[in-house]
Amino acid sequence: MNKIHGLFVVVAVCVMAASVRAESIVVSKKIPYAKNSTADADIRKECDWNTTLPRYLAAESKGRVLVNDKASASDSKLALVATAVHAAGGGPFSGPKWLTLEGKLTKGGKSLGNFEVRRQTMSGYDVCGTLTSLSEEIAGDILEWLDKPGKDAKLGDAG
């Protein structure tokens, strides 16, 4: 009887693991900028917040979000685009810094929801570090939204 029970547990775990994989959400390795004017050239060249955010999303999602530029037909895909990026060194003396993204969750070409997320701060002396901190806050907002995706949601400071 114990062998049958043990086999049942192993099979159940395998089925659960397969179902988690089938419900994975794939996000690209790098978040593109909507257009060249979205962020100044130095930010686009020097800062890596747009590759850090997808990795942070995956790490904090407990396996639900996968970073990959290719999604299978059974995966949901989260497309993110940076629409506004503004940061300058100097802490509060240089004024507000912000990061705004648009996101769209799809599966099989069908829209499951979309959002705009924005985070802003007055602190941060290091431009790239400030954007990375804002992107981590945004990742938390996105993970919360993924629990109950909806249409035209406003997340973070955008709400």
N, C-alpha and C. Protein backbone atom coordinates (compact mmCIF):
# COMPACT_ATOMS: atom_id res chain seq x y z
N MET A 1 0.82 -1.20 0.00
CA MET A 1 0.00 0.00 0.00
C MET A 1 0.87 1.26 0.00
N ASN A 2 1.97 1.25 0.79
CA ASN A 2 2.85 2.42 0.83
C ASN A 2 3.49 2.68 -0.52
N LYS A 3 3.82 1.61 -1.27
CA LYS A 3 4.42 1.80 -2.59
C LYS A 3 3.42 2.46 -3.53
N ILE A 4 2.17 2.06 -3.45
CA ILE A 4 1.13 2.66 -4.31
C ILE A 4 0.95 4.13 -3.92
N HIS A 5 0.91 4.42 -2.62
CA HIS A 5 0.76 5.79 -2.16
C HIS A 5 1.94 6.64 -2.63
N GLY A 6 3.17 6.10 -2.52
CA GLY A 6 4.37 6.81 -2.97
C GLY A 6 4.33 7.08 -4.46
N LEU A 7 3.88 6.11 -5.23
CA LEU A 7 3.76 6.27 -6.67
C LEU A 7 2.74 7.36 -7.00
N PHE A 8 1.64 7.36 -6.26
CA PHE A 8 0.62 8.38 -6.46
C PHE A 8 1.18 9.78 -6.21
N VAL A 9 1.97 9.93 -5.16
CA VAL A 9 2.56 11.23 -4.84
C VAL A 9 3.51 11.67 -5.95
N VAL A 10 4.33 10.76 -6.45
CA VAL A 10 5.27 11.09 -7.52
C VAL A 10 4.50 11.51 -8.78
N VAL A 11 3.48 10.78 -9.14
CA VAL A 11 2.67 11.11 -10.32
C VAL A 11 1.99 12.46 -10.12
N ALA A 12 1.45 12.69 -8.94
CA ALA A 12 0.76 13.96 -8.67
C ALA A 12 1.72 15.14 -8.79
N VAL A 13 2.92 15.00 -8.26
CA VAL A 13 3.92 16.07 -8.36
C VAL A 13 4.29 16.32 -9.81
N CYS A 14 4.47 15.27 -10.59
CA CYS A 14 4.80 15.42 -12.02
C CYS A 14 3.68 16.13 -12.77
N VAL A 15 2.45 15.78 -12.48
CA VAL A 15 1.30 16.42 -13.13
C VAL A 15 1.24 17.89 -12.74
N MET A 16 1.46 18.19 -11.46
CA MET A 16 1.44 19.58 -11.03
C MET A 16 2.56 20.37 -11.69
N ALA A 17 3.74 19.79 -11.79
CA ALA A 17 4.86 20.47 -12.44
C ALA A 17 4.55 20.73 -13.91
N ALA A 18 3.94 19.78 -14.57
CA ALA A 18 3.59 19.96 -15.98
C ALA A 18 2.53 21.05 -16.14
N SER A 19 1.58 21.12 -15.23
CA SER A 19 0.54 22.13 -15.34
C SER A 19 1.11 23.51 -15.07
N VAL A 20 2.08 23.62 -14.13
CA VAL A 20 2.72 24.91 -13.89
C VAL A 20 3.44 25.36 -15.14
N ARG A 21 4.16 24.47 -15.81
CA ARG A 21 4.88 24.81 -17.04
C ARG A 21 3.89 25.24 -18.12
N ALA A 22 2.75 24.54 -18.21
CA ALA A 22 1.77 24.88 -19.23
C ALA A 22 1.18 26.27 -18.99
N GLU A 23 1.20 26.74 -17.73
CA GLU A 23 0.63 28.04 -17.41
C GLU A 23 1.70 29.11 -17.26
N SER A 24 2.89 28.84 -17.74
CA SER A 24 3.97 29.81 -17.63
C SER A 24 3.68 31.06 -18.44
N ILE A 25 4.26 32.14 -17.98
CA ILE A 25 4.17 33.42 -18.67
C ILE A 25 5.58 33.77 -19.13
N VAL A 26 5.73 33.96 -20.41
CA VAL A 26 7.05 34.23 -20.99
C VAL A 26 7.19 35.73 -21.22
N VAL A 27 8.33 36.26 -20.81
CA VAL A 27 8.65 37.66 -21.03
C VAL A 27 10.02 37.71 -21.73
N SER A 28 10.18 38.66 -22.63
CA SER A 28 11.43 38.80 -23.38
C SER A 28 12.58 39.18 -22.46
N LYS A 29 13.79 38.87 -22.91
CA LYS A 29 15.00 39.13 -22.12
C LYS A 29 15.29 40.62 -21.97
N LYS A 30 14.82 41.40 -22.92
CA LYS A 30 15.11 42.84 -22.91
C LYS A 30 13.85 43.62 -23.26
N ILE A 31 13.55 44.61 -22.45
CA ILE A 31 12.38 45.45 -22.69
C ILE A 31 12.77 46.55 -23.66
N PRO A 32 12.09 46.64 -24.79
CA PRO A 32 12.44 47.68 -25.77
C PRO A 32 11.88 49.05 -25.36
N TYR A 33 12.47 50.08 -25.92
CA TYR A 33 11.95 51.43 -25.77
C TYR A 33 10.95 51.68 -26.88
N ALA A 34 9.87 52.39 -26.59
CA ALA A 34 8.83 52.64 -27.58
C ALA A 34 9.40 53.39 -28.79
N LYS A 35 10.29 54.33 -28.52
CA LYS A 35 10.94 55.09 -29.60
C LYS A 35 12.22 55.69 -29.03
N ASN A 36 13.07 56.20 -29.91
CA ASN A 36 14.35 56.75 -29.45
C ASN A 36 14.21 57.86 -28.43
N SER A 37 13.14 58.64 -28.52
CA SER A 37 12.96 59.75 -27.60
C SER A 37 12.42 59.31 -26.23
N THR A 38 12.16 58.02 -26.05
CA THR A 38 11.66 57.53 -24.77
C THR A 38 12.68 57.75 -23.66
N ALA A 39 13.95 57.60 -23.97
CA ALA A 39 15.03 57.81 -23.00
C ALA A 39 16.23 58.39 -23.73
N ASP A 40 17.02 59.18 -23.02
CA ASP A 40 18.18 59.76 -23.71
C ASP A 40 19.20 58.68 -24.05
N ALA A 41 20.07 59.02 -24.96
CA ALA A 41 21.03 58.05 -25.51
C ALA A 41 21.92 57.43 -24.44
N ASP A 42 22.34 58.22 -23.44
CA ASP A 42 23.20 57.69 -22.38
C ASP A 42 22.48 56.62 -21.56
N ILE A 43 21.23 56.84 -21.25
CA ILE A 43 20.46 55.84 -20.50
C ILE A 43 20.33 54.57 -21.32
N ARG A 44 19.98 54.71 -22.59
CA ARG A 44 19.82 53.52 -23.45
C ARG A 44 21.13 52.75 -23.59
N LYS A 45 22.25 53.47 -23.58
CA LYS A 45 23.55 52.84 -23.78
C LYS A 45 24.12 52.26 -22.48
N GLU A 46 23.98 52.97 -21.37
CA GLU A 46 24.69 52.62 -20.14
C GLU A 46 23.87 51.82 -19.13
N CYS A 47 22.58 52.00 -19.10
CA CYS A 47 21.77 51.38 -18.04
C CYS A 47 21.18 50.05 -18.50
N ASP A 48 21.15 49.08 -17.60
CA ASP A 48 20.64 47.75 -17.95
C ASP A 48 19.34 47.40 -17.22
N TRP A 49 18.63 48.41 -16.72
CA TRP A 49 17.38 48.15 -16.01
C TRP A 49 16.44 47.30 -16.85
N ASN A 50 16.48 47.48 -18.19
CA ASN A 50 15.53 46.80 -19.08
C ASN A 50 15.87 45.33 -19.32
N THR A 51 17.02 44.88 -18.86
CA THR A 51 17.31 43.43 -18.84
C THR A 51 17.21 42.90 -17.41
N THR A 52 17.40 43.78 -16.43
CA THR A 52 17.28 43.39 -15.03
C THR A 52 15.83 43.13 -14.66
N LEU A 53 14.92 43.97 -15.14
CA LEU A 53 13.50 43.83 -14.79
C LEU A 53 12.94 42.45 -15.17
N PRO A 54 13.14 41.96 -16.39
CA PRO A 54 12.62 40.62 -16.71
C PRO A 54 13.19 39.52 -15.81
N ARG A 55 14.49 39.61 -15.52
CA ARG A 55 15.11 38.61 -14.63
C ARG A 55 14.53 38.71 -13.22
N TYR A 56 14.30 39.90 -12.76
CA TYR A 56 13.71 40.11 -11.43
C TYR A 56 12.28 39.57 -11.39
N LEU A 57 11.52 39.82 -12.44
CA LEU A 57 10.16 39.27 -12.55
C LEU A 57 10.20 37.75 -12.41
N ALA A 58 11.08 37.12 -13.14
CA ALA A 58 11.19 35.66 -13.11
C ALA A 58 11.60 35.17 -11.72
N ALA A 59 12.59 35.82 -11.13
CA ALA A 59 13.08 35.38 -9.82
C ALA A 59 12.01 35.51 -8.74
N GLU A 60 11.24 36.57 -8.78
CA GLU A 60 10.23 36.80 -7.75
C GLU A 60 8.91 36.07 -8.00
N SER A 61 8.74 35.51 -9.19
CA SER A 61 7.47 34.85 -9.54
C SER A 61 7.39 33.40 -9.10
N LYS A 62 8.45 32.87 -8.53
CA LYS A 62 8.49 31.48 -8.08
C LYS A 62 8.25 30.52 -9.24
N GLY A 63 8.85 30.82 -10.38
CA GLY A 63 8.77 29.93 -11.54
C GLY A 63 7.61 30.19 -12.48
N ARG A 64 6.76 31.11 -12.16
CA ARG A 64 5.60 31.38 -13.02
C ARG A 64 5.99 32.17 -14.28
N VAL A 65 6.94 33.08 -14.13
CA VAL A 65 7.40 33.89 -15.26
C VAL A 65 8.74 33.36 -15.72
N LEU A 66 8.86 33.17 -17.02
CA LEU A 66 10.10 32.68 -17.62
C LEU A 66 10.65 33.74 -18.56
N VAL A 67 11.96 33.93 -18.53
CA VAL A 67 12.61 34.88 -19.42
C VAL A 67 13.10 34.12 -20.64
N ASN A 68 12.52 34.45 -21.78
CA ASN A 68 12.86 33.76 -23.01
C ASN A 68 12.30 34.59 -24.17
N ASP A 69 13.05 34.69 -25.23
CA ASP A 69 12.57 35.46 -26.38
C ASP A 69 11.63 34.67 -27.27
N LYS A 70 11.44 33.39 -26.95
CA LYS A 70 10.53 32.55 -27.74
C LYS A 70 9.51 31.90 -26.81
N ALA A 71 8.25 32.03 -27.16
CA ALA A 71 7.18 31.43 -26.38
C ALA A 71 6.52 30.33 -27.20
N SER A 72 6.12 29.24 -26.53
CA SER A 72 5.38 28.19 -27.23
C SER A 72 3.92 28.59 -27.32
N ALA A 73 3.16 27.89 -28.10
CA ALA A 73 1.74 28.20 -28.28
C ALA A 73 0.97 28.05 -26.97
N SER A 74 1.45 27.18 -26.06
CA SER A 74 0.73 26.97 -24.81
C SER A 74 1.09 28.00 -23.74
N ASP A 75 2.10 28.83 -24.00
CA ASP A 75 2.52 29.84 -23.03
C ASP A 75 1.73 31.12 -23.20
N SER A 76 1.55 31.80 -22.08
CA SER A 76 1.09 33.18 -22.14
C SER A 76 2.32 34.04 -22.34
N LYS A 77 2.16 35.15 -23.02
CA LYS A 77 3.29 36.04 -23.29
C LYS A 77 2.98 37.42 -22.73
N LEU A 78 3.93 37.94 -21.99
CA LEU A 78 3.82 39.29 -21.46
C LEU A 78 4.77 40.19 -22.24
N ALA A 79 4.21 41.06 -23.05
CA ALA A 79 5.00 42.01 -23.84
C ALA A 79 5.08 43.32 -23.08
N LEU A 80 6.29 43.79 -22.83
CA LEU A 80 6.53 45.04 -22.11
C LEU A 80 7.26 46.01 -23.02
N VAL A 81 6.89 47.29 -22.93
CA VAL A 81 7.54 48.34 -23.71
C VAL A 81 7.70 49.55 -22.80
N ALA A 82 8.91 50.12 -22.78
CA ALA A 82 9.16 51.35 -22.02
C ALA A 82 8.62 52.53 -22.82
N THR A 83 7.73 53.30 -22.20
CA THR A 83 7.12 54.43 -22.89
C THR A 83 7.62 55.78 -22.39
N ALA A 84 8.16 55.83 -21.16
CA ALA A 84 8.70 57.08 -20.62
C ALA A 84 9.78 56.74 -19.60
N VAL A 85 10.96 57.29 -19.81
CA VAL A 85 12.08 57.08 -18.89
C VAL A 85 12.73 58.45 -18.68
N HIS A 86 12.82 58.83 -17.41
CA HIS A 86 13.49 60.09 -17.10
C HIS A 86 14.26 59.92 -15.80
N ALA A 87 15.55 60.15 -15.86
CA ALA A 87 16.37 60.07 -14.66
C ALA A 87 17.60 60.94 -14.84
N ALA A 88 17.97 61.61 -13.76
CA ALA A 88 19.18 62.41 -13.74
C ALA A 88 19.81 62.24 -12.37
N GLY A 89 21.12 62.18 -12.31
CA GLY A 89 21.81 62.06 -11.03
C GLY A 89 21.62 63.32 -10.22
N GLY A 90 21.89 63.23 -8.93
CA GLY A 90 21.79 64.43 -8.10
C GLY A 90 20.74 64.34 -7.03
N GLY A 91 20.13 63.20 -6.85
CA GLY A 91 19.13 63.03 -5.79
C GLY A 91 17.99 64.01 -5.93
N PRO A 92 17.52 64.58 -4.82
CA PRO A 92 16.36 65.47 -4.88
C PRO A 92 16.66 66.78 -5.61
N PHE A 93 17.94 67.11 -5.78
CA PHE A 93 18.30 68.37 -6.43
C PHE A 93 18.05 68.35 -7.93
N SER A 94 17.97 67.16 -8.51
CA SER A 94 17.75 67.06 -9.97
C SER A 94 16.29 66.81 -10.32
N GLY A 95 15.42 66.81 -9.33
CA GLY A 95 13.99 66.66 -9.60
C GLY A 95 13.55 65.22 -9.68
N PRO A 96 12.30 65.01 -10.08
CA PRO A 96 11.75 63.65 -10.11
C PRO A 96 12.36 62.78 -11.21
N LYS A 97 12.39 61.48 -10.93
CA LYS A 97 12.82 60.47 -11.89
C LYS A 97 11.66 59.50 -12.04
N TRP A 98 11.44 59.01 -13.24
CA TRP A 98 10.32 58.09 -13.43
C TRP A 98 10.60 57.07 -14.52
N LEU A 99 9.82 56.00 -14.44
CA LEU A 99 9.88 54.91 -15.41
C LEU A 99 8.45 54.47 -15.66
N THR A 100 8.04 54.46 -16.92
CA THR A 100 6.68 54.06 -17.29
C THR A 100 6.75 52.98 -18.36
N LEU A 101 5.97 51.93 -18.17
CA LEU A 101 5.90 50.83 -19.13
C LEU A 101 4.46 50.55 -19.48
N GLU A 102 4.27 50.00 -20.66
CA GLU A 102 2.99 49.42 -21.05
C GLU A 102 3.20 47.92 -21.16
N GLY A 103 2.21 47.17 -20.73
CA GLY A 103 2.30 45.72 -20.80
C GLY A 103 1.03 45.13 -21.37
N LYS A 104 1.20 44.03 -22.09
CA LYS A 104 0.05 43.33 -22.67
C LYS A 104 0.28 41.83 -22.49
N LEU A 105 -0.70 41.17 -21.89
CA LEU A 105 -0.65 39.73 -21.68
C LEU A 105 -1.53 39.05 -22.74
N THR A 106 -0.93 38.13 -23.48
CA THR A 106 -1.66 37.42 -24.53
C THR A 106 -1.42 35.92 -24.40
N LYS A 107 -2.32 35.17 -24.99
CA LYS A 107 -2.15 33.72 -25.11
C LYS A 107 -2.79 33.31 -26.43
N GLY A 108 -1.99 32.69 -27.29
CA GLY A 108 -2.50 32.28 -28.59
C GLY A 108 -3.03 33.44 -29.42
N GLY A 109 -2.42 34.61 -29.26
CA GLY A 109 -2.85 35.78 -30.01
C GLY A 109 -4.05 36.50 -29.41
N LYS A 110 -4.63 35.95 -28.35
CA LYS A 110 -5.80 36.56 -27.70
C LYS A 110 -5.35 37.39 -26.50
N SER A 111 -5.86 38.61 -26.41
CA SER A 111 -5.51 39.49 -25.30
C SER A 111 -6.17 39.02 -24.01
N LEU A 112 -5.35 38.89 -22.97
CA LEU A 112 -5.86 38.53 -21.64
C LEU A 112 -5.90 39.73 -20.70
N GLY A 113 -5.28 40.83 -21.12
CA GLY A 113 -5.27 42.03 -20.30
C GLY A 113 -4.12 42.93 -20.69
N ASN A 114 -4.19 44.17 -20.22
CA ASN A 114 -3.13 45.14 -20.49
C ASN A 114 -3.07 46.15 -19.37
N PHE A 115 -1.96 46.85 -19.28
CA PHE A 115 -1.78 47.82 -18.20
C PHE A 115 -0.76 48.88 -18.58
N GLU A 116 -0.80 49.96 -17.82
CA GLU A 116 0.26 50.94 -17.79
C GLU A 116 0.76 50.96 -16.36
N VAL A 117 2.08 50.93 -16.19
CA VAL A 117 2.66 50.96 -14.85
C VAL A 117 3.70 52.08 -14.81
N ARG A 118 3.68 52.82 -13.72
CA ARG A 118 4.61 53.94 -13.57
C ARG A 118 5.09 53.97 -12.12
N ARG A 119 6.36 54.21 -11.97
CA ARG A 119 6.94 54.44 -10.65
C ARG A 119 7.83 55.67 -10.76
N GLN A 120 7.83 56.47 -9.69
CA GLN A 120 8.63 57.68 -9.69
C GLN A 120 9.24 57.89 -8.31
N THR A 121 10.30 58.68 -8.28
CA THR A 121 10.99 58.96 -7.03
C THR A 121 11.69 60.31 -7.14
N MET A 122 12.00 60.89 -6.00
CA MET A 122 12.82 62.11 -5.96
C MET A 122 14.26 61.77 -5.57
N SER A 123 14.48 60.57 -5.06
CA SER A 123 15.82 60.21 -4.59
C SER A 123 16.62 59.56 -5.71
N GLY A 124 17.83 59.17 -5.41
CA GLY A 124 18.67 58.47 -6.36
C GLY A 124 19.72 59.35 -6.98
N TYR A 125 20.95 59.17 -6.56
CA TYR A 125 22.07 59.94 -7.11
C TYR A 125 22.66 59.28 -8.34
N ASP A 126 22.51 57.97 -8.46
CA ASP A 126 23.04 57.22 -9.59
C ASP A 126 21.90 56.92 -10.56
N VAL A 127 21.99 57.38 -11.78
CA VAL A 127 20.91 57.26 -12.76
C VAL A 127 20.50 55.80 -12.98
N CYS A 128 21.47 54.95 -13.31
CA CYS A 128 21.16 53.56 -13.61
C CYS A 128 20.64 52.82 -12.37
N GLY A 129 21.22 53.12 -11.22
CA GLY A 129 20.75 52.49 -9.97
C GLY A 129 19.33 52.90 -9.65
N THR A 130 19.00 54.16 -9.90
CA THR A 130 17.63 54.64 -9.66
C THR A 130 16.65 53.91 -10.57
N LEU A 131 17.00 53.77 -11.84
CA LEU A 131 16.11 53.07 -12.77
C LEU A 131 15.96 51.60 -12.40
N THR A 132 17.03 50.98 -11.93
CA THR A 132 16.94 49.59 -11.48
C THR A 132 16.01 49.48 -10.28
N SER A 133 16.12 50.40 -9.33
CA SER A 133 15.22 50.38 -8.16
C SER A 133 13.77 50.57 -8.58
N LEU A 134 13.53 51.51 -9.48
CA LEU A 134 12.17 51.71 -9.98
C LEU A 134 11.65 50.47 -10.71
N SER A 135 12.53 49.81 -11.46
CA SER A 135 12.10 48.62 -12.21
C SER A 135 11.75 47.47 -11.26
N GLU A 136 12.44 47.37 -10.12
CA GLU A 136 12.10 46.33 -9.14
C GLU A 136 10.73 46.60 -8.53
N GLU A 137 10.42 47.87 -8.26
CA GLU A 137 9.08 48.22 -7.77
C GLU A 137 8.03 47.88 -8.81
N ILE A 138 8.33 48.19 -10.06
CA ILE A 138 7.41 47.89 -11.16
C ILE A 138 7.19 46.39 -11.29
N ALA A 139 8.25 45.61 -11.13
CA ALA A 139 8.11 44.15 -11.20
C ALA A 139 7.12 43.66 -10.15
N GLY A 140 7.19 44.21 -8.95
CA GLY A 140 6.22 43.85 -7.91
C GLY A 140 4.80 44.19 -8.31
N ASP A 141 4.62 45.36 -8.92
CA ASP A 141 3.28 45.76 -9.40
C ASP A 141 2.77 44.79 -10.45
N ILE A 142 3.65 44.40 -11.37
CA ILE A 142 3.26 43.49 -12.45
C ILE A 142 2.90 42.12 -11.90
N LEU A 143 3.70 41.61 -10.97
CA LEU A 143 3.41 40.29 -10.39
C LEU A 143 2.06 40.29 -9.68
N GLU A 144 1.76 41.36 -9.01
CA GLU A 144 0.44 41.47 -8.35
C GLU A 144 -0.68 41.48 -9.39
N TRP A 145 -0.49 42.21 -10.48
CA TRP A 145 -1.49 42.28 -11.55
C TRP A 145 -1.68 40.91 -12.21
N LEU A 146 -0.60 40.15 -12.36
CA LEU A 146 -0.70 38.84 -13.01
C LEU A 146 -1.61 37.88 -12.25
N ASP A 147 -1.80 38.10 -10.96
CA ASP A 147 -2.73 37.28 -10.19
C ASP A 147 -4.18 37.49 -10.64
N LYS A 148 -4.50 38.70 -11.09
CA LYS A 148 -5.85 39.03 -11.58
C LYS A 148 -5.70 40.03 -12.72
N PRO A 149 -5.27 39.56 -13.90
CA PRO A 149 -5.08 40.50 -15.00
C PRO A 149 -6.41 41.10 -15.46
N GLY A 150 -6.35 42.34 -15.85
CA GLY A 150 -7.54 43.02 -16.34
C GLY A 150 -7.18 43.93 -17.50
N LYS A 151 -8.20 44.56 -18.04
CA LYS A 151 -8.02 45.46 -19.18
C LYS A 151 -7.79 46.89 -18.70
N ASP A 152 -6.88 47.57 -19.37
CA ASP A 152 -6.60 49.00 -19.13
C ASP A 152 -6.30 49.33 -17.67
N ALA A 153 -5.57 48.46 -17.00
CA ALA A 153 -5.22 48.68 -15.59
C ALA A 153 -4.15 49.76 -15.46
N LYS A 154 -4.19 50.48 -14.38
CA LYS A 154 -3.19 51.50 -14.03
C LYS A 154 -2.51 51.00 -12.77
N LEU A 155 -1.20 50.74 -12.86
CA LEU A 155 -0.46 50.15 -11.75
C LEU A 155 0.55 51.14 -11.18
N GLY A 156 0.93 50.90 -9.93
CA GLY A 156 1.94 51.74 -9.28
C GLY A 156 1.46 53.17 -9.17
N ASP A 157 2.32 54.10 -9.55
CA ASP A 157 1.99 55.52 -9.48
C ASP A 157 1.11 55.98 -10.63
N ALA A 158 0.83 55.09 -11.59
CA ALA A 158 -0.03 55.44 -12.72
C ALA A 158 -1.51 55.42 -12.30
N GLY A 159 -1.81 54.75 -11.20
CA GLY A 159 -3.19 54.56 -10.77
C GLY A 159 -3.82 55.70 -10.05
